[in-house]
C-alpha atoms as a PDB file:
ATOM      1  CA  MET A   1       0.002   0.004  -0.039  1.00  0.00           C
ATOM      2  CA  HIS A   2       1.284   3.450  -0.918  1.00  0.00           C
ATOM      3  CA  ILE A   3       0.045   6.608   0.767  1.00  0.00           C
ATOM      4  CA  VAL A   4       0.263   9.944  -0.917  1.00  0.00           C
ATOM      5  CA  PHE A   5      -0.574  12.791   1.404  1.00  0.00           C
ATOM      6  CA  GLY A   6      -0.387  16.580   1.691  1.00  0.00           C
ATOM      7  CA  GLY A   7      -2.456  19.643   2.058  1.00  0.00           C
ATOM      8  CA  ALA A   8      -5.518  20.427  -0.007  1.00  0.00           C
ATOM      9  CA  PHE A   9      -4.823  21.366  -3.631  1.00  0.00           C
ATOM     10  CA  ASN A  10      -1.057  20.528  -3.367  1.00  0.00           C
ATOM     11  CA  GLY A  11      -0.964  18.198  -6.401  1.00  0.00           C
ATOM     12  CA  LYS A  12      -1.594  14.802  -4.836  1.00  0.00           C
ATOM     13  CA  ARG A  13      -4.063  13.535  -7.452  1.00  0.00           C
ATOM     14  CA  GLN A  14      -1.882  14.829 -10.334  1.00  0.00           C
ATOM     15  CA  TYR A  15       1.163  13.127  -8.896  1.00  0.00           C
ATOM     16  CA  VAL A  16      -0.701   9.793  -8.744  1.00  0.00           C
ATOM     17  CA  LYS A  17      -2.233  10.298 -12.191  1.00  0.00           C
ATOM     18  CA  ASP A  18       1.166  10.945 -13.724  1.00  0.00           C
ATOM     19  CA  ARG A  19       2.634   7.777 -12.200  1.00  0.00           C
ATOM     20  CA  LEU A  20      -0.283   5.558 -13.267  1.00  0.00           C
ATOM     21  CA  ASN A  21      -0.538   6.894 -16.879  1.00  0.00           C
ATOM     22  CA  GLY A  22      -1.129   3.837 -19.084  1.00  0.00           C
ATOM     23  CA  HIS A  23      -2.016   1.501 -16.233  1.00  0.00           C
ATOM     24  CA  GLU A  24      -5.400  -0.002 -15.468  1.00  0.00           C
ATOM     25  CA  VAL A  25      -6.777   2.015 -12.498  1.00  0.00           C
ATOM     26  CA  TYR A  26      -9.919   1.799 -10.437  1.00  0.00           C
ATOM     27  CA  TRP A  27     -10.379   5.313  -8.883  1.00  0.00           C
ATOM     28  CA  SER A  28     -12.655   5.586  -5.841  1.00  0.00           C
ATOM     29  CA  GLU A  29     -13.362   9.179  -4.865  1.00  0.00           C
ATOM     30  CA  GLY A  30     -15.014  10.025  -1.524  1.00  0.00           C
ATOM     31  CA  GLU A  31     -16.057   6.397  -0.835  1.00  0.00           C
ATOM     32  CA  LEU A  32     -14.506   3.017  -0.232  1.00  0.00           C
ATOM     33  CA  PRO A  33     -14.526   0.654  -3.182  1.00  0.00           C
ATOM     34  CA  GLU A  34     -17.097  -2.108  -3.100  1.00  0.00           C
ATOM     35  CA  SER A  35     -14.790  -4.795  -4.379  1.00  0.00           C
ATOM     36  CA  THR A  36     -10.967  -4.764  -4.771  1.00  0.00           C
ATOM     37  CA  ALA A  37     -10.635  -8.123  -6.546  1.00  0.00           C
ATOM     38  CA  SER A  38      -9.067  -6.722  -9.723  1.00  0.00           C
ATOM     39  CA  GLU A  39      -5.790  -6.499 -11.508  1.00  0.00           C
ATOM     40  CA  ALA A  40      -6.206  -2.725 -11.620  1.00  0.00           C
ATOM     41  CA  THR A  41      -4.396  -0.389  -9.185  1.00  0.00           C
ATOM     42  CA  ILE A  42      -6.950   0.761  -6.652  1.00  0.00           C
ATOM     43  CA  VAL A  43      -6.808   4.479  -5.831  1.00  0.00           C
ATOM     44  CA  ILE A  44      -8.791   5.615  -2.833  1.00  0.00           C
ATOM     45  CA  ALA A  45      -9.093   9.393  -2.569  1.00  0.00           C
ATOM     46  CA  GLY A  46     -11.208  11.738  -0.464  1.00  0.00           C
ATOM     47  CA  LEU A  47     -11.257   9.494   2.646  1.00  0.00           C
ATOM     48  CA  GLU A  48     -11.935  12.519   4.798  1.00  0.00           C
ATOM     49  CA  ASN A  49     -15.182  13.076   2.898  1.00  0.00           C
ATOM     50  CA  TRP A  50     -16.182   9.493   3.458  1.00  0.00           C
ATOM     51  CA  ILE A  51     -15.369   9.748   7.178  1.00  0.00           C
ATOM     52  CA  LYS A  52     -17.626  12.831   7.526  1.00  0.00           C
ATOM     53  CA  GLN A  53     -20.512  11.008   5.733  1.00  0.00           C
ATOM     54  CA  GLN A  54     -20.100   8.042   8.055  1.00  0.00           C
ATOM     55  CA  LEU A  55     -20.138  10.277  11.119  1.00  0.00           C
ATOM     56  CA  GLY A  56     -23.410  11.812   9.777  1.00  0.00           C
ATOM     57  CA  LYS A  57     -24.798   8.272   9.607  1.00  0.00           C
ATOM     58  CA  GLY A  58     -23.842   7.588  13.238  1.00  0.00           C
ATOM     59  CA  LEU A  59     -21.078   5.043  12.548  1.00  0.00           C
ATOM     60  CA  THR A  60     -18.483   4.636  15.280  1.00  0.00           C
ATOM     61  CA  GLU A  61     -14.708   4.900  14.838  1.00  0.00           C
ATOM     62  CA  GLY A  62     -14.473   1.112  15.259  1.00  0.00           C
ATOM     63  CA  GLN A  63     -16.983   0.486  12.538  1.00  0.00           C
ATOM     64  CA  MET A  64     -15.173   2.791  10.121  1.00  0.00           C
ATOM     65  CA  MET A  65     -11.856   1.215  10.990  1.00  0.00           C
ATOM     66  CA  GLU A  66     -13.311  -2.221  10.296  1.00  0.00           C
ATOM     67  CA  GLN A  67     -14.418  -1.137   6.760  1.00  0.00           C
ATOM     68  CA  ILE A  68     -11.000   0.412   6.081  1.00  0.00           C
ATOM     69  CA  ARG A  69      -9.231  -2.682   7.275  1.00  0.00           C
ATOM     70  CA  ARG A  70     -11.466  -4.788   4.952  1.00  0.00           C
ATOM     71  CA  ILE A  71      -9.980  -2.798   2.004  1.00  0.00           C
ATOM     72  CA  MET A  72      -6.451  -2.914   3.310  1.00  0.00           C
ATOM     73  CA  ASP A  73      -6.610  -6.658   3.918  1.00  0.00           C
ATOM     74  CA  SER A  74      -8.371  -7.502   0.673  1.00  0.00           C
ATOM     75  CA  GLY A  75      -5.253  -9.009  -0.927  1.00  0.00           C
ATOM     76  CA  GLN A  76      -5.147  -6.152  -3.528  1.00  0.00           C
ATOM     77  CA  SER A  77      -1.415  -5.319  -3.319  1.00  0.00           C
ATOM     78  CA  ARG A  78      -1.629  -2.279  -5.629  1.00  0.00           C
ATOM     79  CA  GLN A  79      -3.462   0.267  -3.463  1.00  0.00           C
ATOM     80  CA  ILE A  80      -2.789   4.026  -3.425  1.00  0.00           C
ATOM     81  CA  TRP A  81      -4.514   6.069  -0.738  1.00  0.00           C
ATOM     82  CA  ILE A  82      -4.533   9.833  -1.370  1.00  0.00           C
ATOM     83  CA  LEU A  83      -5.001  11.508   2.025  1.00  0.00           C
ATOM     84  CA  THR A  84      -5.511  15.184   2.730  1.00  0.00           C
ATOM     85  CA  ASP A  85      -3.674  16.547   5.795  1.00  0.00           C
ATOM     86  CA  LEU A  86      -6.357  18.296   7.884  1.00  0.00           C
ATOM     87  CA  ASN A  87      -4.439  18.664  11.038  1.00  0.00           C
ATOM     88  CA  ARG A  88      -2.654  21.910  10.348  1.00  0.00           C
ATOM     89  CA  GLY A  89      -4.564  25.127  10.578  1.00  0.00           C
ATOM     90  CA  ILE A  90      -7.589  26.526  12.315  1.00  0.00           C
ATOM     91  CA  VAL A  91      -9.569  24.221  14.593  1.00  0.00           C
ATOM     92  CA  PRO A  92     -13.157  24.078  13.258  1.00  0.00           C
ATOM     93  CA  THR A  93     -15.959  25.625  15.353  1.00  0.00           C
ATOM     94  CA  GLU A  94     -18.546  23.060  14.326  1.00  0.00           C
ATOM     95  CA  ARG A  95     -18.640  19.905  16.513  1.00  0.00           C
ATOM     96  CA  ILE A  96     -18.838  17.445  13.555  1.00  0.00           C
ATOM     97  CA  GLU A  97     -15.954  19.133  11.822  1.00  0.00           C
ATOM     98  CA  ARG A  98     -13.748  18.824  14.942  1.00  0.00           C
ATOM     99  CA  GLU A  99     -14.916  15.191  15.419  1.00  0.00           C
ATOM    100  CA  MET A 100     -14.002  14.436  11.847  1.00  0.00           C
ATOM    101  CA  ARG A 101     -10.616  16.081  12.152  1.00  0.00           C
ATOM    102  CA  ASP A 102      -9.748  14.138  15.275  1.00  0.00           C
ATOM    103  CA  LEU A 103     -10.975  10.825  13.786  1.00  0.00           C
ATOM    104  CA  VAL A 104      -9.085  11.501  10.503  1.00  0.00           C
ATOM    105  CA  GLY A 105      -5.884  11.891  12.555  1.00  0.00           C
ATOM    106  CA  ARG A 106      -6.346   8.563  14.388  1.00  0.00           C
ATOM    107  CA  LEU A 107      -7.346   6.616  11.225  1.00  0.00           C
ATOM    108  CA  TYR A 108      -4.458   8.105   9.288  1.00  0.00           C
ATOM    109  CA  GLN A 109      -2.005   6.939  12.012  1.00  0.00           C
ATOM    110  CA  HIS A 110      -3.149   3.388  11.409  1.00  0.00           C
ATOM    111  CA  LEU A 111      -2.906   3.731   7.641  1.00  0.00           C
ATOM    112  CA  PHE A 112       0.563   5.225   7.840  1.00  0.00           C
ATOM    113  CA  ALA A 113       1.762   2.469  10.178  1.00  0.00           C
ATOM    114  CA  GLU A 114       0.620  -0.198   7.696  1.00  0.00           C
ATOM    115  CA  ALA A 115       1.817   1.472   4.579  1.00  0.00           C
ATOM    116  CA  GLU A 116       4.814   0.203   2.629  1.00  0.00           C
ATOM    117  CA  LYS A 117       5.414   3.569   0.929  1.00  0.00           C
ATOM    118  CA  ILE A 118       4.566   7.078   1.953  1.00  0.00           C
ATOM    119  CA  THR A 119       4.990  10.161  -0.256  1.00  0.00           C
ATOM    120  CA  ARG A 120       4.310  13.668   0.972  1.00  0.00           C
ATOM    121  CA  ILE A 121       3.322  16.212  -1.709  1.00  0.00           C
ATOM    122  CA  TRP A 122       4.044  19.814  -0.924  1.00  0.00           C
ATOM    123  CA  TYR A 123       2.978  22.219  -3.731  1.00  0.00           C
ATOM    124  CA  GLY A 124       3.628  19.650  -6.381  1.00  0.00           C
ATOM    125  CA  ILE A 125       6.954  18.451  -4.978  1.00  0.00           C
ATOM    126  CA  PRO A 126       7.136  14.822  -3.795  1.00  0.00           C
ATOM    127  CA  GLU A 127       9.099  13.851  -0.675  1.00  0.00           C
ATOM    128  CA  LYS A 128       9.648  10.158   0.095  1.00  0.00           C
ATOM    129  CA  ILE A 129       8.842   9.598   3.810  1.00  0.00           C
ATOM    130  CA  LYS A 130       8.822   5.836   3.887  1.00  0.00           C
END
């Protein structure tokens, strides 16, 4: 699993698209893929939006982590997770926004610990972290 992360609008998606040009790709934006049994590279982007939706539905952190683990443990070796760093900046005033931000941080910690490769994108410039 490869994680590509950075701030909003810093070039994460373009970085991934450039590296996957010509490859079969299944791109999941703002949701978890239903099935990952494919030869295609699975790209999961907008996880923070999915987390916010799940909070609105009343799902717990444990339930969300279980769904994320299902994707991670699916046997699909070519996974790229595009994650937006939300933990730098102004703390939101709305409760659900603060909850989402805290939950994103905890879930990202798990994803980062499990990842084989991590690349930070800062204004279009990649930096290999792991």
